[in-house]
Amino acid sequence: MLLATFAVAAAHGVPEQTATRNSTITIHVGKTGLFSGLGHNHTISAPISRAIINPQSKTASITVLTKEMKVLDPEASEKDRQEIQATMLGPKVLDAQKYPEIHFTSTHVEQTSAGEFKVTGNLELHGVTKQLEFPVTGTQEHYTGKTKLKQTDFGIQPVSVGGGTVKVKDEIELEFNVYPEEAHQTAR
């Protein structure tokens, strides 16, 4: 989804850009269920592996390598974090072995006001492609935004334990920060 932020740079007339390694998506996953107070909310870091924006065509693309996603959960023990990480990357959730990459490609960027944009594009996650639309704010040096999506829309069943007394919410929030490198022309 960070690709969309690069699409915003296109609206500014900046030459094609790539993202720095500081660019990330932070995923917030809540809990629900009768004993949800005993479970953990999850915070996951997803570093941007590749991101390219082309201002002339007003398109952008972003790639996250699934295996680079990391469970942060500061309130969980190291053992719990490792178990959550293994479940997240395993066949029950992201299935990182079968789906090693997550892609977002913008299809339309509309400036709504100074420094504010509406970005539309396709997110490919877990072998399913769905259209997303979300707001982006920022400048050529730093773009931010948030959006929500449902795991089940991408064929992922939220994890449930204790017969469903504690389970992960279907809807998750994605918050992104994109830091483009200095603009440069890319040879094609």
N, C-alpha and C. Protein backbone atom coordinates (compact mmCIF):
# COMPACT_ATOMS: atom_id res chain seq x y z
N MET A 1 0.82 -1.18 0.00
CA MET A 1 0.00 0.00 0.00
C MET A 1 0.86 1.24 0.00
N LEU A 2 2.05 1.08 0.36
CA LEU A 2 2.93 2.23 0.35
C LEU A 2 3.18 2.70 -1.06
N LEU A 3 2.96 1.84 -2.01
CA LEU A 3 3.11 2.22 -3.41
C LEU A 3 2.28 3.44 -3.69
N ALA A 4 1.14 3.49 -3.09
CA ALA A 4 0.24 4.59 -3.34
C ALA A 4 0.88 5.91 -2.98
N THR A 5 1.70 5.92 -1.97
CA THR A 5 2.34 7.16 -1.58
C THR A 5 3.30 7.63 -2.65
N PHE A 6 3.90 6.70 -3.33
CA PHE A 6 4.78 7.09 -4.42
C PHE A 6 3.97 7.64 -5.58
N ALA A 7 2.76 7.14 -5.72
CA ALA A 7 1.89 7.67 -6.76
C ALA A 7 1.61 9.13 -6.49
N VAL A 8 1.57 9.51 -5.23
CA VAL A 8 1.36 10.90 -4.85
C VAL A 8 2.52 11.75 -5.38
N ALA A 9 3.73 11.25 -5.29
CA ALA A 9 4.87 11.98 -5.81
C ALA A 9 4.68 12.25 -7.29
N ALA A 10 4.06 11.32 -7.99
CA ALA A 10 3.81 11.51 -9.41
C ALA A 10 2.96 12.75 -9.64
N ALA A 11 2.00 12.97 -8.76
CA ALA A 11 1.14 14.14 -8.90
C ALA A 11 1.93 15.43 -8.71
N HIS A 12 3.09 15.34 -8.05
CA HIS A 12 3.95 16.50 -7.84
C HIS A 12 4.92 16.71 -8.99
N GLY A 13 4.92 15.84 -10.01
CA GLY A 13 5.82 15.99 -11.13
C GLY A 13 7.26 15.63 -10.83
N VAL A 14 7.48 14.75 -9.86
CA VAL A 14 8.82 14.32 -9.48
C VAL A 14 9.23 13.17 -10.38
N PRO A 15 10.52 13.12 -10.82
CA PRO A 15 10.96 11.96 -11.61
C PRO A 15 10.76 10.68 -10.80
N GLU A 16 10.83 9.54 -11.50
CA GLU A 16 10.62 8.25 -10.85
C GLU A 16 11.48 8.13 -9.59
N GLN A 17 10.90 7.60 -8.52
CA GLN A 17 11.57 7.48 -7.24
C GLN A 17 11.52 6.05 -6.73
N THR A 18 12.44 5.73 -5.82
CA THR A 18 12.39 4.48 -5.09
C THR A 18 12.32 4.83 -3.61
N ALA A 19 11.93 3.87 -2.78
CA ALA A 19 11.80 4.12 -1.34
C ALA A 19 13.08 3.72 -0.62
N THR A 20 13.33 4.37 0.50
CA THR A 20 14.44 3.99 1.36
C THR A 20 14.03 2.80 2.21
N ARG A 21 15.00 2.15 2.81
CA ARG A 21 14.72 1.00 3.68
C ARG A 21 13.98 1.41 4.95
N ASN A 22 13.88 2.69 5.24
CA ASN A 22 13.12 3.15 6.41
C ASN A 22 11.62 3.13 6.15
N SER A 23 11.22 2.91 4.92
CA SER A 23 9.80 2.90 4.57
C SER A 23 9.16 1.60 5.06
N THR A 24 8.07 1.73 5.80
CA THR A 24 7.44 0.55 6.39
C THR A 24 5.92 0.67 6.41
N ILE A 25 5.31 -0.49 6.53
CA ILE A 25 3.89 -0.59 6.83
C ILE A 25 3.82 -1.18 8.23
N THR A 26 3.03 -0.58 9.10
CA THR A 26 2.79 -1.13 10.43
C THR A 26 1.35 -1.64 10.43
N ILE A 27 1.21 -2.90 10.83
CA ILE A 27 -0.10 -3.55 10.82
C ILE A 27 -0.57 -3.71 12.26
N HIS A 28 -1.79 -3.25 12.52
CA HIS A 28 -2.38 -3.35 13.86
C HIS A 28 -3.52 -4.37 13.79
N VAL A 29 -3.41 -5.41 14.63
CA VAL A 29 -4.38 -6.49 14.64
C VAL A 29 -4.98 -6.58 16.03
N GLY A 30 -6.29 -6.41 16.12
CA GLY A 30 -6.97 -6.47 17.42
C GLY A 30 -7.46 -7.87 17.74
N LYS A 31 -8.06 -7.99 18.90
CA LYS A 31 -8.59 -9.29 19.36
C LYS A 31 -10.05 -9.12 19.74
N THR A 32 -10.74 -10.23 19.80
CA THR A 32 -12.15 -10.23 20.16
C THR A 32 -12.45 -11.57 20.82
N GLY A 33 -13.65 -11.74 21.32
CA GLY A 33 -14.04 -13.00 21.94
C GLY A 33 -14.27 -12.84 23.43
N LEU A 34 -14.92 -13.83 24.02
CA LEU A 34 -15.29 -13.81 25.43
C LEU A 34 -14.10 -13.55 26.36
N PHE A 35 -12.96 -14.19 26.09
CA PHE A 35 -11.77 -14.02 26.93
C PHE A 35 -10.69 -13.21 26.22
N SER A 36 -11.10 -12.25 25.42
CA SER A 36 -10.13 -11.47 24.64
C SER A 36 -9.17 -10.70 25.55
N GLY A 37 -9.56 -10.43 26.77
CA GLY A 37 -8.67 -9.75 27.71
C GLY A 37 -7.43 -10.57 28.04
N LEU A 38 -7.47 -11.87 27.78
CA LEU A 38 -6.32 -12.73 28.05
C LEU A 38 -5.37 -12.80 26.85
N GLY A 39 -5.81 -12.34 25.69
CA GLY A 39 -4.98 -12.41 24.48
C GLY A 39 -4.22 -11.12 24.27
N HIS A 40 -3.48 -11.07 23.17
CA HIS A 40 -2.66 -9.90 22.83
C HIS A 40 -3.20 -9.23 21.58
N ASN A 41 -3.18 -7.89 21.56
CA ASN A 41 -3.29 -7.18 20.30
C ASN A 41 -1.93 -7.33 19.64
N HIS A 42 -1.90 -7.36 18.33
CA HIS A 42 -0.63 -7.57 17.64
C HIS A 42 -0.22 -6.35 16.84
N THR A 43 1.07 -6.07 16.86
CA THR A 43 1.67 -5.03 16.04
C THR A 43 2.74 -5.70 15.20
N ILE A 44 2.65 -5.49 13.89
CA ILE A 44 3.55 -6.16 12.96
C ILE A 44 4.21 -5.11 12.08
N SER A 45 5.52 -5.25 11.90
CA SER A 45 6.27 -4.36 11.02
C SER A 45 6.48 -5.07 9.69
N ALA A 46 6.20 -4.37 8.59
CA ALA A 46 6.39 -4.92 7.25
C ALA A 46 7.25 -3.94 6.45
N PRO A 47 8.57 -4.15 6.45
CA PRO A 47 9.44 -3.25 5.69
C PRO A 47 9.14 -3.32 4.19
N ILE A 48 9.22 -2.19 3.52
CA ILE A 48 9.02 -2.14 2.08
C ILE A 48 10.29 -2.67 1.41
N SER A 49 10.15 -3.68 0.61
CA SER A 49 11.30 -4.27 -0.09
C SER A 49 11.63 -3.50 -1.37
N ARG A 50 10.60 -3.20 -2.16
CA ARG A 50 10.77 -2.44 -3.40
C ARG A 50 9.59 -1.49 -3.55
N ALA A 51 9.89 -0.30 -4.04
CA ALA A 51 8.83 0.66 -4.33
C ALA A 51 9.30 1.56 -5.46
N ILE A 52 8.46 1.73 -6.45
CA ILE A 52 8.79 2.57 -7.60
C ILE A 52 7.58 3.43 -7.93
N ILE A 53 7.85 4.70 -8.24
CA ILE A 53 6.78 5.59 -8.66
C ILE A 53 7.18 6.24 -9.98
N ASN A 54 6.22 6.33 -10.87
CA ASN A 54 6.45 6.99 -12.15
C ASN A 54 5.48 8.16 -12.27
N PRO A 55 5.98 9.39 -12.10
CA PRO A 55 5.10 10.56 -12.13
C PRO A 55 4.41 10.80 -13.46
N GLN A 56 5.09 10.44 -14.57
CA GLN A 56 4.49 10.69 -15.88
C GLN A 56 3.24 9.84 -16.09
N SER A 57 3.31 8.59 -15.69
CA SER A 57 2.13 7.72 -15.87
C SER A 57 1.25 7.70 -14.62
N LYS A 58 1.68 8.42 -13.58
CA LYS A 58 0.96 8.47 -12.30
C LYS A 58 0.65 7.07 -11.81
N THR A 59 1.68 6.24 -11.79
CA THR A 59 1.56 4.88 -11.28
C THR A 59 2.66 4.62 -10.26
N ALA A 60 2.43 3.66 -9.43
CA ALA A 60 3.40 3.28 -8.42
C ALA A 60 3.21 1.81 -8.08
N SER A 61 4.27 1.22 -7.58
CA SER A 61 4.17 -0.17 -7.15
C SER A 61 5.01 -0.36 -5.90
N ILE A 62 4.54 -1.24 -5.04
CA ILE A 62 5.24 -1.54 -3.79
C ILE A 62 5.24 -3.04 -3.59
N THR A 63 6.34 -3.54 -3.06
CA THR A 63 6.44 -4.96 -2.74
C THR A 63 6.95 -5.11 -1.32
N VAL A 64 6.31 -6.00 -0.59
CA VAL A 64 6.74 -6.41 0.75
C VAL A 64 7.07 -7.90 0.66
N LEU A 65 8.24 -8.28 1.17
CA LEU A 65 8.57 -9.70 1.25
C LEU A 65 7.94 -10.24 2.53
N THR A 66 7.07 -11.21 2.38
CA THR A 66 6.31 -11.74 3.51
C THR A 66 7.23 -12.19 4.63
N LYS A 67 8.33 -12.87 4.30
CA LYS A 67 9.23 -13.40 5.33
C LYS A 67 9.92 -12.31 6.14
N GLU A 68 9.93 -11.05 5.64
CA GLU A 68 10.55 -9.94 6.38
C GLU A 68 9.60 -9.29 7.39
N MET A 69 8.34 -9.69 7.37
CA MET A 69 7.39 -9.13 8.32
C MET A 69 7.73 -9.64 9.71
N LYS A 70 7.61 -8.76 10.71
CA LYS A 70 8.03 -9.14 12.06
C LYS A 70 7.00 -8.72 13.09
N VAL A 71 6.66 -9.67 13.97
CA VAL A 71 5.75 -9.40 15.08
C VAL A 71 6.52 -8.61 16.14
N LEU A 72 6.00 -7.44 16.53
CA LEU A 72 6.67 -6.60 17.52
C LEU A 72 6.13 -6.83 18.93
N ASP A 73 4.84 -6.90 19.10
CA ASP A 73 4.12 -7.15 20.35
C ASP A 73 4.96 -6.95 21.62
N PRO A 74 5.19 -5.70 22.03
CA PRO A 74 6.05 -5.45 23.19
C PRO A 74 5.52 -6.03 24.51
N GLU A 75 4.20 -6.25 24.61
CA GLU A 75 3.64 -6.78 25.87
C GLU A 75 3.73 -8.30 25.95
N ALA A 76 4.11 -8.96 24.86
CA ALA A 76 4.21 -10.42 24.84
C ALA A 76 5.62 -10.87 25.22
N SER A 77 5.72 -12.07 25.74
CA SER A 77 7.05 -12.63 26.04
C SER A 77 7.74 -13.00 24.73
N GLU A 78 9.05 -13.19 24.78
CA GLU A 78 9.81 -13.58 23.59
C GLU A 78 9.27 -14.89 23.02
N LYS A 79 8.96 -15.83 23.90
CA LYS A 79 8.42 -17.13 23.47
C LYS A 79 7.09 -16.94 22.74
N ASP A 80 6.21 -16.10 23.30
CA ASP A 80 4.91 -15.83 22.66
C ASP A 80 5.10 -15.14 21.31
N ARG A 81 6.02 -14.16 21.24
CA ARG A 81 6.29 -13.48 19.97
C ARG A 81 6.75 -14.46 18.90
N GLN A 82 7.61 -15.40 19.29
CA GLN A 82 8.10 -16.39 18.32
C GLN A 82 6.96 -17.29 17.84
N GLU A 83 6.07 -17.67 18.74
CA GLU A 83 4.92 -18.50 18.35
C GLU A 83 3.97 -17.73 17.44
N ILE A 84 3.73 -16.47 17.77
CA ILE A 84 2.85 -15.64 16.94
C ILE A 84 3.48 -15.44 15.56
N GLN A 85 4.79 -15.19 15.52
CA GLN A 85 5.52 -15.02 14.26
C GLN A 85 5.38 -16.28 13.39
N ALA A 86 5.61 -17.44 14.00
CA ALA A 86 5.52 -18.70 13.25
C ALA A 86 4.11 -18.93 12.71
N THR A 87 3.10 -18.62 13.51
CA THR A 87 1.71 -18.77 13.06
C THR A 87 1.41 -17.80 11.92
N MET A 88 1.86 -16.53 12.06
CA MET A 88 1.60 -15.51 11.04
C MET A 88 2.20 -15.92 9.69
N LEU A 89 3.44 -16.41 9.69
CA LEU A 89 4.11 -16.76 8.44
C LEU A 89 3.74 -18.15 7.94
N GLY A 90 3.14 -18.95 8.79
CA GLY A 90 2.80 -20.33 8.45
C GLY A 90 1.58 -20.46 7.56
N PRO A 91 1.22 -21.70 7.23
CA PRO A 91 0.14 -21.98 6.28
C PRO A 91 -1.25 -21.54 6.75
N LYS A 92 -1.46 -21.34 8.05
CA LYS A 92 -2.78 -20.94 8.55
C LYS A 92 -3.09 -19.46 8.30
N VAL A 93 -2.03 -18.63 8.10
CA VAL A 93 -2.28 -17.19 7.92
C VAL A 93 -1.69 -16.72 6.58
N LEU A 94 -0.47 -16.21 6.57
CA LEU A 94 0.10 -15.64 5.34
C LEU A 94 0.68 -16.68 4.38
N ASP A 95 1.05 -17.84 4.89
CA ASP A 95 1.66 -18.89 4.08
C ASP A 95 2.80 -18.32 3.24
N ALA A 96 3.82 -17.81 3.94
CA ALA A 96 4.95 -17.13 3.32
C ALA A 96 5.69 -17.99 2.30
N GLN A 97 5.66 -19.28 2.50
CA GLN A 97 6.34 -20.17 1.56
C GLN A 97 5.60 -20.18 0.21
N LYS A 98 4.29 -20.23 0.24
CA LYS A 98 3.49 -20.26 -0.99
C LYS A 98 3.31 -18.87 -1.59
N TYR A 99 3.22 -17.83 -0.72
CA TYR A 99 2.99 -16.45 -1.16
C TYR A 99 4.12 -15.56 -0.60
N PRO A 100 5.30 -15.58 -1.22
CA PRO A 100 6.46 -14.88 -0.66
C PRO A 100 6.41 -13.36 -0.77
N GLU A 101 5.51 -12.81 -1.60
CA GLU A 101 5.45 -11.37 -1.78
C GLU A 101 4.02 -10.85 -1.69
N ILE A 102 3.93 -9.60 -1.23
CA ILE A 102 2.67 -8.85 -1.20
C ILE A 102 2.90 -7.64 -2.10
N HIS A 103 1.97 -7.38 -3.03
CA HIS A 103 2.14 -6.28 -3.98
C HIS A 103 0.97 -5.31 -3.91
N PHE A 104 1.29 -4.03 -4.08
CA PHE A 104 0.27 -3.02 -4.28
C PHE A 104 0.67 -2.23 -5.52
N THR A 105 -0.29 -2.00 -6.41
CA THR A 105 -0.06 -1.18 -7.60
C THR A 105 -1.18 -0.16 -7.71
N SER A 106 -0.80 1.11 -7.74
CA SER A 106 -1.82 2.15 -7.85
C SER A 106 -2.41 2.16 -9.25
N THR A 107 -3.68 2.53 -9.32
CA THR A 107 -4.34 2.66 -10.61
C THR A 107 -4.84 4.09 -10.85
N HIS A 108 -4.99 4.86 -9.77
CA HIS A 108 -5.46 6.25 -9.90
C HIS A 108 -5.06 7.04 -8.65
N VAL A 109 -4.59 8.26 -8.88
CA VAL A 109 -4.25 9.17 -7.79
C VAL A 109 -4.96 10.49 -8.05
N GLU A 110 -5.71 10.93 -7.07
CA GLU A 110 -6.45 12.19 -7.20
C GLU A 110 -6.05 13.12 -6.05
N GLN A 111 -5.60 14.32 -6.39
CA GLN A 111 -5.28 15.30 -5.35
C GLN A 111 -6.58 15.90 -4.85
N THR A 112 -6.83 15.81 -3.54
CA THR A 112 -8.07 16.32 -2.96
C THR A 112 -7.90 17.71 -2.36
N SER A 113 -6.67 18.05 -1.94
CA SER A 113 -6.32 19.38 -1.45
C SER A 113 -4.79 19.43 -1.35
N ALA A 114 -4.26 20.54 -0.90
CA ALA A 114 -2.80 20.68 -0.81
C ALA A 114 -2.23 19.61 0.12
N GLY A 115 -1.36 18.77 -0.40
CA GLY A 115 -0.73 17.72 0.39
C GLY A 115 -1.62 16.55 0.75
N GLU A 116 -2.82 16.47 0.15
CA GLU A 116 -3.75 15.37 0.44
C GLU A 116 -4.23 14.75 -0.86
N PHE A 117 -4.28 13.40 -0.85
CA PHE A 117 -4.59 12.66 -2.06
C PHE A 117 -5.51 11.48 -1.74
N LYS A 118 -6.26 11.06 -2.75
CA LYS A 118 -7.03 9.83 -2.67
C LYS A 118 -6.37 8.86 -3.65
N VAL A 119 -5.93 7.72 -3.14
CA VAL A 119 -5.22 6.75 -3.95
C VAL A 119 -6.08 5.50 -4.11
N THR A 120 -6.17 5.01 -5.32
CA THR A 120 -6.88 3.78 -5.64
C THR A 120 -5.87 2.83 -6.26
N GLY A 121 -5.97 1.56 -5.90
CA GLY A 121 -5.05 0.59 -6.48
C GLY A 121 -5.42 -0.83 -6.11
N ASN A 122 -4.63 -1.77 -6.59
CA ASN A 122 -4.87 -3.19 -6.36
C ASN A 122 -3.83 -3.76 -5.40
N LEU A 123 -4.33 -4.45 -4.37
CA LEU A 123 -3.48 -5.13 -3.41
C LEU A 123 -3.57 -6.62 -3.69
N GLU A 124 -2.41 -7.23 -3.92
CA GLU A 124 -2.34 -8.68 -4.10
C GLU A 124 -1.74 -9.27 -2.84
N LEU A 125 -2.55 -10.05 -2.13
CA LEU A 125 -2.18 -10.64 -0.85
C LEU A 125 -2.74 -12.05 -0.78
N HIS A 126 -1.90 -13.00 -0.44
CA HIS A 126 -2.35 -14.38 -0.24
C HIS A 126 -3.02 -14.95 -1.49
N GLY A 127 -2.52 -14.54 -2.68
CA GLY A 127 -3.05 -15.05 -3.93
C GLY A 127 -4.36 -14.42 -4.38
N VAL A 128 -4.82 -13.39 -3.70
CA VAL A 128 -6.08 -12.71 -4.02
C VAL A 128 -5.77 -11.24 -4.30
N THR A 129 -6.41 -10.67 -5.31
CA THR A 129 -6.22 -9.26 -5.63
C THR A 129 -7.54 -8.53 -5.40
N LYS A 130 -7.46 -7.46 -4.61
CA LYS A 130 -8.64 -6.63 -4.30
C LYS A 130 -8.27 -5.17 -4.47
N GLN A 131 -9.25 -4.36 -4.87
CA GLN A 131 -9.04 -2.93 -5.01
C GLN A 131 -9.19 -2.25 -3.65
N LEU A 132 -8.29 -1.30 -3.38
CA LEU A 132 -8.35 -0.49 -2.17
C LEU A 132 -8.37 0.98 -2.56
N GLU A 133 -8.98 1.79 -1.71
CA GLU A 133 -8.96 3.24 -1.89
C GLU A 133 -8.72 3.84 -0.51
N PHE A 134 -7.76 4.77 -0.42
CA PHE A 134 -7.43 5.34 0.89
C PHE A 134 -6.77 6.70 0.73
N PRO A 135 -6.82 7.51 1.80
CA PRO A 135 -6.20 8.83 1.76
C PRO A 135 -4.69 8.75 2.06
N VAL A 136 -3.95 9.66 1.45
CA VAL A 136 -2.51 9.79 1.68
C VAL A 136 -2.22 11.27 1.90
N THR A 137 -1.37 11.57 2.86
CA THR A 137 -0.93 12.95 3.07
C THR A 137 0.59 13.01 3.03
N GLY A 138 1.11 14.19 2.76
CA GLY A 138 2.55 14.34 2.84
C GLY A 138 3.15 15.21 1.78
N THR A 139 4.48 15.12 1.72
CA THR A 139 5.30 15.87 0.78
C THR A 139 6.19 14.89 0.03
N GLN A 140 7.02 15.41 -0.87
CA GLN A 140 7.91 14.55 -1.64
C GLN A 140 8.92 13.83 -0.75
N GLU A 141 9.12 14.28 0.47
CA GLU A 141 10.09 13.66 1.38
C GLU A 141 9.48 12.59 2.29
N HIS A 142 8.16 12.66 2.55
CA HIS A 142 7.55 11.73 3.50
C HIS A 142 6.04 11.67 3.27
N TYR A 143 5.54 10.48 3.02
CA TYR A 143 4.10 10.27 2.83
C TYR A 143 3.59 9.32 3.89
N THR A 144 2.36 9.60 4.38
CA THR A 144 1.74 8.74 5.39
C THR A 144 0.29 8.46 4.99
N GLY A 145 -0.23 7.41 5.57
CA GLY A 145 -1.63 7.09 5.35
C GLY A 145 -2.04 5.88 6.16
N LYS A 146 -3.33 5.66 6.21
CA LYS A 146 -3.91 4.51 6.91
C LYS A 146 -5.04 3.96 6.08
N THR A 147 -5.24 2.66 6.20
CA THR A 147 -6.40 2.03 5.61
C THR A 147 -6.72 0.77 6.40
N LYS A 148 -7.88 0.24 6.18
CA LYS A 148 -8.28 -1.01 6.84
C LYS A 148 -8.66 -2.01 5.77
N LEU A 149 -8.52 -3.28 6.12
CA LEU A 149 -8.96 -4.34 5.23
C LEU A 149 -9.37 -5.53 6.07
N LYS A 150 -10.15 -6.41 5.46
CA LYS A 150 -10.57 -7.64 6.14
C LYS A 150 -9.74 -8.80 5.63
N GLN A 151 -9.22 -9.58 6.56
CA GLN A 151 -8.40 -10.74 6.21
C GLN A 151 -9.19 -11.72 5.34
N THR A 152 -10.46 -11.92 5.69
CA THR A 152 -11.27 -12.90 4.96
C THR A 152 -11.47 -12.51 3.50
N ASP A 153 -11.38 -11.21 3.17
CA ASP A 153 -11.47 -10.78 1.77
C ASP A 153 -10.31 -11.33 0.95
N PHE A 154 -9.22 -11.72 1.63
CA PHE A 154 -8.03 -12.24 0.95
C PHE A 154 -7.84 -13.73 1.23
N GLY A 155 -8.90 -14.40 1.68
CA GLY A 155 -8.84 -15.84 1.89
C GLY A 155 -8.10 -16.26 3.14
N ILE A 156 -7.92 -15.33 4.09
CA ILE A 156 -7.23 -15.64 5.35
C ILE A 156 -8.27 -15.70 6.46
N GLN A 157 -8.30 -16.82 7.17
CA GLN A 157 -9.22 -16.96 8.30
C GLN A 157 -8.52 -16.47 9.56
N PRO A 158 -9.10 -15.50 10.28
CA PRO A 158 -8.48 -15.02 11.51
C PRO A 158 -8.23 -16.16 12.50
N VAL A 159 -7.08 -16.11 13.15
CA VAL A 159 -6.69 -17.14 14.12
C VAL A 159 -7.62 -17.09 15.32
N SER A 160 -7.97 -18.28 15.81
CA SER A 160 -8.86 -18.42 16.95
C SER A 160 -8.29 -19.47 17.89
N VAL A 161 -8.33 -19.21 19.19
CA VAL A 161 -7.88 -20.19 20.18
C VAL A 161 -8.94 -20.36 21.25
N GLY A 162 -8.83 -21.43 22.00
CA GLY A 162 -9.77 -21.68 23.09
C GLY A 162 -11.20 -21.80 22.62
N GLY A 163 -11.40 -22.48 21.49
CA GLY A 163 -12.76 -22.66 20.97
C GLY A 163 -13.41 -21.36 20.57
N GLY A 164 -12.60 -20.37 20.21
CA GLY A 164 -13.13 -19.08 19.77
C GLY A 164 -13.31 -18.07 20.90
N THR A 165 -12.89 -18.43 22.12
CA THR A 165 -13.01 -17.50 23.24
C THR A 165 -12.03 -16.34 23.12
N VAL A 166 -10.94 -16.55 22.36
CA VAL A 166 -10.00 -15.48 22.02
C VAL A 166 -9.69 -15.64 20.54
N LYS A 167 -9.93 -14.58 19.79
CA LYS A 167 -9.62 -14.66 18.36
C LYS A 167 -9.17 -13.30 17.84
N VAL A 168 -8.47 -13.37 16.72
CA VAL A 168 -7.99 -12.18 16.05
C VAL A 168 -9.16 -11.57 15.29
N LYS A 169 -9.28 -10.25 15.32
CA LYS A 169 -10.34 -9.58 14.57
C LYS A 169 -10.08 -9.74 13.07
N ASP A 170 -11.16 -9.83 12.31
CA ASP A 170 -11.05 -9.94 10.86
C ASP A 170 -10.48 -8.65 10.26
N GLU A 171 -10.96 -7.50 10.73
CA GLU A 171 -10.50 -6.22 10.18
C GLU A 171 -9.18 -5.81 10.83
N ILE A 172 -8.21 -5.47 9.98
CA ILE A 172 -6.91 -5.01 10.47
C ILE A 172 -6.64 -3.61 9.91
N GLU A 173 -5.78 -2.87 10.59
CA GLU A 173 -5.43 -1.52 10.14
C GLU A 173 -3.99 -1.51 9.67
N LEU A 174 -3.77 -0.88 8.52
CA LEU A 174 -2.43 -0.72 7.97
C LEU A 174 -2.07 0.76 8.00
N GLU A 175 -0.93 1.06 8.57
CA GLU A 175 -0.45 2.44 8.68
C GLU A 175 0.90 2.48 7.98
N PHE A 176 1.07 3.41 7.04
CA PHE A 176 2.33 3.41 6.31
C PHE A 176 3.05 4.73 6.38
N ASN A 177 4.37 4.62 6.32
CA ASN A 177 5.30 5.75 6.26
C ASN A 177 6.27 5.45 5.13
N VAL A 178 6.27 6.32 4.13
CA VAL A 178 7.16 6.13 2.98
C VAL A 178 8.09 7.32 2.88
N TYR A 179 9.36 7.02 2.79
CA TYR A 179 10.41 8.03 2.67
C TYR A 179 11.11 7.83 1.33
N PRO A 180 10.68 8.56 0.29
CA PRO A 180 11.34 8.41 -1.02
C PRO A 180 12.79 8.88 -0.97
N GLU A 181 13.62 8.19 -1.73
CA GLU A 181 14.99 8.65 -1.91
C GLU A 181 14.95 9.88 -2.80
N GLU A 182 16.08 10.56 -2.91
CA GLU A 182 16.17 11.70 -3.78
C GLU A 182 15.72 11.31 -5.19
N ALA A 183 14.96 12.15 -5.82
CA ALA A 183 14.42 11.84 -7.14
C ALA A 183 15.55 11.56 -8.12
N HIS A 184 15.31 10.58 -8.99
CA HIS A 184 16.27 10.27 -10.05
C HIS A 184 15.54 9.69 -11.25
N GLN A 185 16.14 9.82 -12.39
CA GLN A 185 15.56 9.23 -13.60
C GLN A 185 15.97 7.77 -13.67
N THR A 186 15.06 6.92 -14.06
CA THR A 186 15.35 5.50 -14.19
C THR A 186 15.38 5.16 -15.67
N ALA A 187 16.46 4.50 -16.08
CA ALA A 187 16.57 4.08 -17.48
C ALA A 187 15.62 2.92 -17.73
N ARG A 188 15.00 2.94 -18.86
CA ARG A 188 14.06 1.87 -19.22
C ARG A 188 14.54 1.18 -20.45
